[in-house]
Amino acid sequence: MKFKNPSIRTLIFCWLALMILTIGTMISGRVTSDVALSSVLIITLGFITWFKSMIILRYYLNLASASTGWNKTFNSYLFAVLGIIMLIFLL
């Protein structure tokens, strides 16, 4: 396994992406409103959450330097957990 730490520039870019995705989450989740979320918004929130989690896992926890098997395992596990949570909300 090769341990290659991400550069400061990469981490700052990831941080900016996480901030933009957080604003997207707030807009999609309608945090200032008391209305129920539609199924499209719930699915949108799930995909934004999955993408944010993958950024954190790959760059801040340095999963990018791990083997392909670990990457696929974490990706699949995260997708399954978020899929179950979205399914519960949709029901």
PDB file of N, CA and C in Angstrom:
ATOM      1  N   MET A   1       0.827  -1.164   0.000  1.00  0.00           N
ATOM      2  CA  MET A   1       0.000   0.000   0.000  1.00  0.00           C
ATOM      3  C   MET A   1       0.880   1.239   0.000  1.00  0.00           C
ATOM      4  N   LYS A   2       0.565   2.183  -0.866  1.00  0.00           N
ATOM      5  CA  LYS A   2       1.309   3.428  -0.912  1.00  0.00           C
ATOM      6  C   LYS A   2       0.528   4.498  -0.156  1.00  0.00           C
ATOM      7  N   PHE A   3       1.142   5.066   0.863  1.00  0.00           N
ATOM      8  CA  PHE A   3       0.505   6.141   1.611  1.00  0.00           C
ATOM      9  C   PHE A   3       0.930   7.468   1.020  1.00  0.00           C
ATOM     10  N   LYS A   4       0.020   8.099   0.332  1.00  0.00           N
ATOM     11  CA  LYS A   4       0.284   9.396  -0.257  1.00  0.00           C
ATOM     12  C   LYS A   4      -0.711  10.376   0.342  1.00  0.00           C
ATOM     13  N   ASN A   5      -0.216  11.298   1.107  1.00  0.00           N
ATOM     14  CA  ASN A   5      -1.090  12.288   1.714  1.00  0.00           C
ATOM     15  C   ASN A   5      -1.550  13.288   0.675  1.00  0.00           C
ATOM     16  N   PRO A   6      -2.833  13.682   0.731  1.00  0.00           N
ATOM     17  CA  PRO A   6      -3.308  14.703  -0.209  1.00  0.00           C
ATOM     18  C   PRO A   6      -2.659  16.053   0.095  1.00  0.00           C
ATOM     19  N   SER A   7      -2.518  16.854  -0.936  1.00  0.00           N
ATOM     20  CA  SER A   7      -1.885  18.161  -0.763  1.00  0.00           C
ATOM     21  C   SER A   7      -2.846  19.124  -0.053  1.00  0.00           C
ATOM     22  N   ILE A   8      -2.287  20.198   0.437  1.00  0.00           N
ATOM     23  CA  ILE A   8      -3.098  21.219   1.104  1.00  0.00           C
ATOM     24  C   ILE A   8      -4.110  21.803   0.122  1.00  0.00           C
ATOM     25  N   ARG A   9      -3.697  21.997  -1.114  1.00  0.00           N
ATOM     26  CA  ARG A   9      -4.606  22.533  -2.128  1.00  0.00           C
ATOM     27  C   ARG A   9      -5.791  21.596  -2.352  1.00  0.00           C
ATOM     28  N   THR A  10      -5.536  20.305  -2.417  1.00  0.00           N
ATOM     29  CA  THR A  10      -6.609  19.324  -2.585  1.00  0.00           C
ATOM     30  C   THR A  10      -7.561  19.348  -1.400  1.00  0.00           C
ATOM     31  N   LEU A  11      -7.028  19.428  -0.198  1.00  0.00           N
ATOM     32  CA  LEU A  11      -7.872  19.461   0.998  1.00  0.00           C
ATOM     33  C   LEU A  11      -8.719  20.728   1.064  1.00  0.00           C
ATOM     34  N   ILE A  12      -8.147  21.848   0.655  1.00  0.00           N
ATOM     35  CA  ILE A  12      -8.927  23.093   0.633  1.00  0.00           C
ATOM     36  C   ILE A  12     -10.026  23.017  -0.417  1.00  0.00           C
ATOM     37  N   PHE A  13      -9.720  22.458  -1.581  1.00  0.00           N
ATOM     38  CA  PHE A  13     -10.738  22.282  -2.610  1.00  0.00           C
ATOM     39  C   PHE A  13     -11.858  21.362  -2.115  1.00  0.00           C
ATOM     40  N   CYS A  14     -11.502  20.292  -1.436  1.00  0.00           N
ATOM     41  CA  CYS A  14     -12.507  19.384  -0.875  1.00  0.00           C
ATOM     42  C   CYS A  14     -13.349  20.087   0.181  1.00  0.00           C
ATOM     43  N   TRP A  15     -12.716  20.915   1.000  1.00  0.00           N
ATOM     44  CA  TRP A  15     -13.452  21.658   2.017  1.00  0.00           C
ATOM     45  C   TRP A  15     -14.462  22.597   1.362  1.00  0.00           C
ATOM     46  N   LEU A  16     -14.050  23.295   0.302  1.00  0.00           N
ATOM     47  CA  LEU A  16     -14.979  24.170  -0.414  1.00  0.00           C
ATOM     48  C   LEU A  16     -16.131  23.377  -1.025  1.00  0.00           C
ATOM     49  N   ALA A  17     -15.817  22.215  -1.591  1.00  0.00           N
ATOM     50  CA  ALA A  17     -16.868  21.361  -2.154  1.00  0.00           C
ATOM     51  C   ALA A  17     -17.835  20.912  -1.063  1.00  0.00           C
ATOM     52  N   LEU A  18     -17.317  20.570   0.113  1.00  0.00           N
ATOM     53  CA  LEU A  18     -18.184  20.164   1.219  1.00  0.00           C
ATOM     54  C   LEU A  18     -19.068  21.313   1.682  1.00  0.00           C
ATOM     55  N   MET A  19     -18.560  22.527   1.673  1.00  0.00           N
ATOM     56  CA  MET A  19     -19.368  23.686   2.067  1.00  0.00           C
ATOM     57  C   MET A  19     -20.485  23.941   1.057  1.00  0.00           C
ATOM     58  N   ILE A  20     -20.163  23.825  -0.224  1.00  0.00           N
ATOM     59  CA  ILE A  20     -21.179  24.005  -1.268  1.00  0.00           C
ATOM     60  C   ILE A  20     -22.233  22.904  -1.172  1.00  0.00           C
ATOM     61  N   LEU A  21     -21.802  21.669  -0.944  1.00  0.00           N
ATOM     62  CA  LEU A  21     -22.756  20.571  -0.805  1.00  0.00           C
ATOM     63  C   LEU A  21     -23.606  20.722   0.452  1.00  0.00           C
ATOM     64  N   THR A  22     -23.056  21.312   1.508  1.00  0.00           N
ATOM     65  CA  THR A  22     -23.834  21.566   2.710  1.00  0.00           C
ATOM     66  C   THR A  22     -24.931  22.580   2.426  1.00  0.00           C
ATOM     67  N   ILE A  23     -24.613  23.614   1.673  1.00  0.00           N
ATOM     68  CA  ILE A  23     -25.637  24.580   1.285  1.00  0.00           C
ATOM     69  C   ILE A  23     -26.698  23.900   0.416  1.00  0.00           C
ATOM     70  N   GLY A  24     -26.261  23.003  -0.481  1.00  0.00           N
ATOM     71  CA  GLY A  24     -27.214  22.229  -1.280  1.00  0.00           C
ATOM     72  C   GLY A  24     -28.111  21.352  -0.424  1.00  0.00           C
ATOM     73  N   THR A  25     -27.550  20.795   0.636  1.00  0.00           N
ATOM     74  CA  THR A  25     -28.337  19.986   1.557  1.00  0.00           C
ATOM     75  C   THR A  25     -29.378  20.839   2.277  1.00  0.00           C
ATOM     76  N   MET A  26     -28.970  22.031   2.675  1.00  0.00           N
ATOM     77  CA  MET A  26     -29.902  22.921   3.367  1.00  0.00           C
ATOM     78  C   MET A  26     -31.043  23.350   2.442  1.00  0.00           C
ATOM     79  N   ILE A  27     -30.731  23.615   1.197  1.00  0.00           N
ATOM     80  CA  ILE A  27     -31.775  24.008   0.247  1.00  0.00           C
ATOM     81  C   ILE A  27     -32.685  22.830  -0.068  1.00  0.00           C
ATOM     82  N   SER A  28     -32.105  21.660  -0.332  1.00  0.00           N
ATOM     83  CA  SER A  28     -32.910  20.476  -0.647  1.00  0.00           C
ATOM     84  C   SER A  28     -33.747  20.011   0.537  1.00  0.00           C
ATOM     85  N   GLY A  29     -33.204  20.168   1.737  1.00  0.00           N
ATOM     86  CA  GLY A  29     -33.923  19.738   2.928  1.00  0.00           C
ATOM     87  C   GLY A  29     -34.928  20.742   3.434  1.00  0.00           C
ATOM     88  N   ARG A  30     -34.958  21.913   2.802  1.00  0.00           N
ATOM     89  CA  ARG A  30     -35.891  22.978   3.173  1.00  0.00           C
ATOM     90  C   ARG A  30     -35.884  23.229   4.673  1.00  0.00           C
ATOM     91  N   VAL A  31     -34.711  23.614   5.173  1.00  0.00           N
ATOM     92  CA  VAL A  31     -34.526  23.765   6.619  1.00  0.00           C
ATOM     93  C   VAL A  31     -35.337  24.902   7.207  1.00  0.00           C
ATOM     94  N   THR A  32     -35.754  25.859   6.404  1.00  0.00           N
ATOM     95  CA  THR A  32     -36.532  26.988   6.937  1.00  0.00           C
ATOM     96  C   THR A  32     -38.029  26.795   6.790  1.00  0.00           C
ATOM     97  N   SER A  33     -38.451  25.637   6.329  1.00  0.00           N
ATOM     98  CA  SER A  33     -39.864  25.392   6.051  1.00  0.00           C
ATOM     99  C   SER A  33     -40.376  24.224   6.893  1.00  0.00           C
ATOM    100  N   ASP A  34     -41.666  24.232   7.160  1.00  0.00           N
ATOM    101  CA  ASP A  34     -42.279  23.159   7.949  1.00  0.00           C
ATOM    102  C   ASP A  34     -43.008  22.128   7.087  1.00  0.00           C
ATOM    103  N   VAL A  35     -42.854  22.169   5.783  1.00  0.00           N
ATOM    104  CA  VAL A  35     -43.555  21.245   4.904  1.00  0.00           C
ATOM    105  C   VAL A  35     -42.812  19.908   4.838  1.00  0.00           C
ATOM    106  N   ALA A  36     -43.553  18.876   4.498  1.00  0.00           N
ATOM    107  CA  ALA A  36     -42.958  17.541   4.346  1.00  0.00           C
ATOM    108  C   ALA A  36     -42.147  17.490   3.048  1.00  0.00           C
ATOM    109  N   LEU A  37     -41.118  16.680   3.045  1.00  0.00           N
ATOM    110  CA  LEU A  37     -40.259  16.559   1.872  1.00  0.00           C
ATOM    111  C   LEU A  37     -40.849  15.577   0.877  1.00  0.00           C
ATOM    112  N   SER A  38     -40.721  15.913  -0.396  1.00  0.00           N
ATOM    113  CA  SER A  38     -41.174  15.001  -1.435  1.00  0.00           C
ATOM    114  C   SER A  38     -40.133  13.907  -1.638  1.00  0.00           C
ATOM    115  N   SER A  39     -40.505  12.898  -2.377  1.00  0.00           N
ATOM    116  CA  SER A  39     -39.583  11.782  -2.604  1.00  0.00           C
ATOM    117  C   SER A  39     -38.364  12.214  -3.416  1.00  0.00           C
ATOM    118  N   VAL A  40     -38.535  13.159  -4.331  1.00  0.00           N
ATOM    119  CA  VAL A  40     -37.400  13.652  -5.120  1.00  0.00           C
ATOM    120  C   VAL A  40     -36.388  14.345  -4.214  1.00  0.00           C
ATOM    121  N   LEU A  41     -36.863  15.138  -3.263  1.00  0.00           N
ATOM    122  CA  LEU A  41     -35.956  15.828  -2.354  1.00  0.00           C
ATOM    123  C   LEU A  41     -35.251  14.849  -1.418  1.00  0.00           C
ATOM    124  N   ILE A  42     -35.937  13.807  -0.991  1.00  0.00           N
ATOM    125  CA  ILE A  42     -35.308  12.806  -0.127  1.00  0.00           C
ATOM    126  C   ILE A  42     -34.195  12.077  -0.881  1.00  0.00           C
ATOM    127  N   ILE A  43     -34.452  11.728  -2.129  1.00  0.00           N
ATOM    128  CA  ILE A  43     -33.431  11.061  -2.936  1.00  0.00           C
ATOM    129  C   ILE A  43     -32.257  12.006  -3.198  1.00  0.00           C
ATOM    130  N   THR A  44     -32.551  13.284  -3.448  1.00  0.00           N
ATOM    131  CA  THR A  44     -31.496  14.273  -3.638  1.00  0.00           C
ATOM    132  C   THR A  44     -30.632  14.399  -2.380  1.00  0.00           C
ATOM    133  N   LEU A  45     -31.268  14.448  -1.224  1.00  0.00           N
ATOM    134  CA  LEU A  45     -30.522  14.514   0.034  1.00  0.00           C
ATOM    135  C   LEU A  45     -29.647  13.288   0.230  1.00  0.00           C
ATOM    136  N   GLY A  46     -30.165  12.132  -0.138  1.00  0.00           N
ATOM    137  CA  GLY A  46     -29.382  10.902  -0.010  1.00  0.00           C
ATOM    138  C   GLY A  46     -28.134  10.913  -0.880  1.00  0.00           C
ATOM    139  N   PHE A  47     -28.278  11.373  -2.128  1.00  0.00           N
ATOM    140  CA  PHE A  47     -27.116  11.407  -3.012  1.00  0.00           C
ATOM    141  C   PHE A  47     -26.111  12.472  -2.596  1.00  0.00           C
ATOM    142  N   ILE A  48     -26.578  13.614  -2.114  1.00  0.00           N
ATOM    143  CA  ILE A  48     -25.649  14.631  -1.622  1.00  0.00           C
ATOM    144  C   ILE A  48     -24.893  14.101  -0.411  1.00  0.00           C
ATOM    145  N   THR A  49     -25.596  13.418   0.478  1.00  0.00           N
ATOM    146  CA  THR A  49     -24.958  12.842   1.669  1.00  0.00           C
ATOM    147  C   THR A  49     -23.934  11.793   1.277  1.00  0.00           C
ATOM    148  N   TRP A  50     -24.258  10.967   0.307  1.00  0.00           N
ATOM    149  CA  TRP A  50     -23.333   9.943  -0.155  1.00  0.00           C
ATOM    150  C   TRP A  50     -22.078  10.588  -0.753  1.00  0.00           C
ATOM    151  N   PHE A  51     -22.265  11.621  -1.558  1.00  0.00           N
ATOM    152  CA  PHE A  51     -21.123  12.287  -2.183  1.00  0.00           C
ATOM    153  C   PHE A  51     -20.246  12.969  -1.138  1.00  0.00           C
ATOM    154  N   LYS A  52     -20.858  13.629  -0.161  1.00  0.00           N
ATOM    155  CA  LYS A  52     -20.083  14.259   0.905  1.00  0.00           C
ATOM    156  C   LYS A  52     -19.308  13.213   1.708  1.00  0.00           C
ATOM    157  N   SER A  53     -19.938  12.100   1.995  1.00  0.00           N
ATOM    158  CA  SER A  53     -19.269  11.032   2.743  1.00  0.00           C
ATOM    159  C   SER A  53     -18.082  10.472   1.977  1.00  0.00           C
ATOM    160  N   MET A  54     -18.235  10.329   0.679  1.00  0.00           N
ATOM    161  CA  MET A  54     -17.132   9.804  -0.119  1.00  0.00           C
ATOM    162  C   MET A  54     -15.959  10.785  -0.167  1.00  0.00           C
ATOM    163  N   ILE A  55     -16.234  12.080  -0.203  1.00  0.00           N
ATOM    164  CA  ILE A  55     -15.146  13.071  -0.164  1.00  0.00           C
ATOM    165  C   ILE A  55     -14.394  12.954   1.157  1.00  0.00           C
ATOM    166  N   ILE A  56     -15.138  12.861   2.253  1.00  0.00           N
ATOM    167  CA  ILE A  56     -14.500  12.751   3.566  1.00  0.00           C
ATOM    168  C   ILE A  56     -13.685  11.469   3.669  1.00  0.00           C
ATOM    169  N   LEU A  57     -14.254  10.356   3.223  1.00  0.00           N
ATOM    170  CA  LEU A  57     -13.532   9.087   3.303  1.00  0.00           C
ATOM    171  C   LEU A  57     -12.282   9.084   2.429  1.00  0.00           C
ATOM    172  N   ARG A  58     -12.379   9.584   1.221  1.00  0.00           N
ATOM    173  CA  ARG A  58     -11.250   9.492   0.296  1.00  0.00           C
ATOM    174  C   ARG A  58     -10.124  10.465   0.600  1.00  0.00           C
ATOM    175  N   TYR A  59     -10.476  11.676   0.987  1.00  0.00           N
ATOM    176  CA  TYR A  59      -9.429  12.682   1.122  1.00  0.00           C
ATOM    177  C   TYR A  59      -9.040  12.959   2.566  1.00  0.00           C
ATOM    178  N   TYR A  60     -10.009  13.094   3.446  1.00  0.00           N
ATOM    179  CA  TYR A  60      -9.657  13.418   4.825  1.00  0.00           C
ATOM    180  C   TYR A  60      -9.248  12.177   5.621  1.00  0.00           C
ATOM    181  N   LEU A  61      -9.837  11.037   5.328  1.00  0.00           N
ATOM    182  CA  LEU A  61      -9.423   9.803   5.981  1.00  0.00           C
ATOM    183  C   LEU A  61      -8.451   9.006   5.113  1.00  0.00           C
ATOM    184  N   ASN A  62      -8.108   9.551   3.945  1.00  0.00           N
ATOM    185  CA  ASN A  62      -7.092   9.021   3.032  1.00  0.00           C
ATOM    186  C   ASN A  62      -7.394   7.599   2.549  1.00  0.00           C
ATOM    187  N   LEU A  63      -8.655   7.335   2.282  1.00  0.00           N
ATOM    188  CA  LEU A  63      -9.038   6.038   1.732  1.00  0.00           C
ATOM    189  C   LEU A  63      -8.571   5.898   0.279  1.00  0.00           C
ATOM    190  N   ALA A  64      -8.233   7.011  -0.348  1.00  0.00           N
ATOM    191  CA  ALA A  64      -7.755   6.966  -1.734  1.00  0.00           C
ATOM    192  C   ALA A  64      -6.447   6.190  -1.861  1.00  0.00           C
ATOM    193  N   SER A  65      -5.672   6.131  -0.785  1.00  0.00           N
ATOM    194  CA  SER A  65      -4.409   5.385  -0.857  1.00  0.00           C
ATOM    195  C   SER A  65      -4.600   3.903  -0.547  1.00  0.00           C
ATOM    196  N   ALA A  66      -5.803   3.511  -0.166  1.00  0.00           N
ATOM    197  CA  ALA A  66      -6.077   2.099   0.123  1.00  0.00           C
ATOM    198  C   ALA A  66      -6.300   1.337  -1.181  1.00  0.00           C
ATOM    199  N   SER A  67      -6.388   0.047  -1.076  1.00  0.00           N
ATOM    200  CA  SER A  67      -6.577  -0.782  -2.266  1.00  0.00           C
ATOM    201  C   SER A  67      -7.979  -0.593  -2.843  1.00  0.00           C
ATOM    202  N   THR A  68      -8.154  -1.037  -4.062  1.00  0.00           N
ATOM    203  CA  THR A  68      -9.439  -0.905  -4.746  1.00  0.00           C
ATOM    204  C   THR A  68     -10.536  -1.670  -4.022  1.00  0.00           C
ATOM    205  N   GLY A  69     -10.188  -2.789  -3.425  1.00  0.00           N
ATOM    206  CA  GLY A  69     -11.177  -3.578  -2.681  1.00  0.00           C
ATOM    207  C   GLY A  69     -11.762  -2.808  -1.510  1.00  0.00           C
ATOM    208  N   TRP A  70     -10.906  -2.120  -0.765  1.00  0.00           N
ATOM    209  CA  TRP A  70     -11.400  -1.317   0.361  1.00  0.00           C
ATOM    210  C   TRP A  70     -12.278  -0.180  -0.126  1.00  0.00           C
ATOM    211  N   ASN A  71     -11.871   0.459  -1.212  1.00  0.00           N
ATOM    212  CA  ASN A  71     -12.671   1.553  -1.763  1.00  0.00           C
ATOM    213  C   ASN A  71     -14.057   1.068  -2.179  1.00  0.00           C
ATOM    214  N   LYS A  72     -14.106  -0.047  -2.876  1.00  0.00           N
ATOM    215  CA  LYS A  72     -15.395  -0.586  -3.318  1.00  0.00           C
ATOM    216  C   LYS A  72     -16.239  -1.034  -2.135  1.00  0.00           C
ATOM    217  N   THR A  73     -15.611  -1.624  -1.119  1.00  0.00           N
ATOM    218  CA  THR A  73     -16.341  -2.087   0.054  1.00  0.00           C
ATOM    219  C   THR A  73     -16.974  -0.920   0.805  1.00  0.00           C
ATOM    220  N   PHE A  74     -16.192   0.134   1.065  1.00  0.00           N
ATOM    221  CA  PHE A  74     -16.739   1.296   1.759  1.00  0.00           C
ATOM    222  C   PHE A  74     -17.819   1.986   0.930  1.00  0.00           C
ATOM    223  N   ASN A  75     -17.594   2.097  -0.370  1.00  0.00           N
ATOM    224  CA  ASN A  75     -18.561   2.721  -1.252  1.00  0.00           C
ATOM    225  C   ASN A  75     -19.882   1.943  -1.251  1.00  0.00           C
ATOM    226  N   SER A  76     -19.792   0.640  -1.365  1.00  0.00           N
ATOM    227  CA  SER A  76     -20.996  -0.206  -1.378  1.00  0.00           C
ATOM    228  C   SER A  76     -21.718  -0.171  -0.035  1.00  0.00           C
ATOM    229  N   TYR A  77     -20.965  -0.238   1.044  1.00  0.00           N
ATOM    230  CA  TYR A  77     -21.569  -0.208   2.378  1.00  0.00           C
ATOM    231  C   TYR A  77     -22.291   1.114   2.624  1.00  0.00           C
ATOM    232  N   LEU A  78     -21.639   2.196   2.280  1.00  0.00           N
ATOM    233  CA  LEU A  78     -22.239   3.515   2.464  1.00  0.00           C
ATOM    234  C   LEU A  78     -23.480   3.673   1.602  1.00  0.00           C
ATOM    235  N   PHE A  79     -23.414   3.214   0.359  1.00  0.00           N
ATOM    236  CA  PHE A  79     -24.570   3.280  -0.535  1.00  0.00           C
ATOM    237  C   PHE A  79     -25.728   2.445   0.009  1.00  0.00           C
ATOM    238  N   ALA A  80     -25.437   1.269   0.561  1.00  0.00           N
ATOM    239  CA  ALA A  80     -26.488   0.409   1.109  1.00  0.00           C
ATOM    240  C   ALA A  80     -27.135   1.037   2.344  1.00  0.00           C
ATOM    241  N   VAL A  81     -26.330   1.569   3.242  1.00  0.00           N
ATOM    242  CA  VAL A  81     -26.878   2.185   4.462  1.00  0.00           C
ATOM    243  C   VAL A  81     -27.741   3.392   4.116  1.00  0.00           C
ATOM    244  N   LEU A  82     -27.244   4.260   3.237  1.00  0.00           N
ATOM    245  CA  LEU A  82     -28.033   5.418   2.844  1.00  0.00           C
ATOM    246  C   LEU A  82     -29.278   5.012   2.060  1.00  0.00           C
ATOM    247  N   GLY A  83     -29.173   3.945   1.280  1.00  0.00           N
ATOM    248  CA  GLY A  83     -30.344   3.437   0.555  1.00  0.00           C
ATOM    249  C   GLY A  83     -31.424   2.941   1.505  1.00  0.00           C
ATOM    250  N   ILE A  84     -31.021   2.248   2.556  1.00  0.00           N
ATOM    251  CA  ILE A  84     -31.990   1.771   3.555  1.00  0.00           C
ATOM    252  C   ILE A  84     -32.643   2.950   4.273  1.00  0.00           C
ATOM    253  N   ILE A  85     -31.845   3.948   4.629  1.00  0.00           N
ATOM    254  CA  ILE A  85     -32.395   5.125   5.309  1.00  0.00           C
ATOM    255  C   ILE A  85     -33.370   5.861   4.392  1.00  0.00           C
ATOM    256  N   MET A  86     -33.014   6.038   3.118  1.00  0.00           N
ATOM    257  CA  MET A  86     -33.918   6.699   2.181  1.00  0.00           C
ATOM    258  C   MET A  86     -35.193   5.895   1.998  1.00  0.00           C
ATOM    259  N   LEU A  87     -35.074   4.573   1.924  1.00  0.00           N
ATOM    260  CA  LEU A  87     -36.251   3.724   1.763  1.00  0.00           C
ATOM    261  C   LEU A  87     -37.186   3.855   2.947  1.00  0.00           C
ATOM    262  N   ILE A  88     -36.638   3.908   4.154  1.00  0.00           N
ATOM    263  CA  ILE A  88     -37.463   4.080   5.353  1.00  0.00           C
ATOM    264  C   ILE A  88     -38.199   5.417   5.306  1.00  0.00           C
ATOM    265  N   PHE A  89     -37.509   6.486   4.909  1.00  0.00           N
ATOM    266  CA  PHE A  89     -38.162   7.791   4.808  1.00  0.00           C
ATOM    267  C   PHE A  89     -39.225   7.813   3.723  1.00  0.00           C
ATOM    268  N   LEU A  90     -38.987   7.104   2.623  1.00  0.00           N
ATOM    269  CA  LEU A  90     -39.961   7.107   1.524  1.00  0.00           C
ATOM    270  C   LEU A  90     -41.208   6.307   1.875  1.00  0.00           C
ATOM    271  N   LEU A  91     -41.072   5.320   2.756  1.00  0.00           N
ATOM    272  CA  LEU A  91     -42.242   4.537   3.153  1.00  0.00           C
ATOM    273  C   LEU A  91     -43.029   5.293   4.179  1.00  0.00           C
TER     274      LEU A  91
END
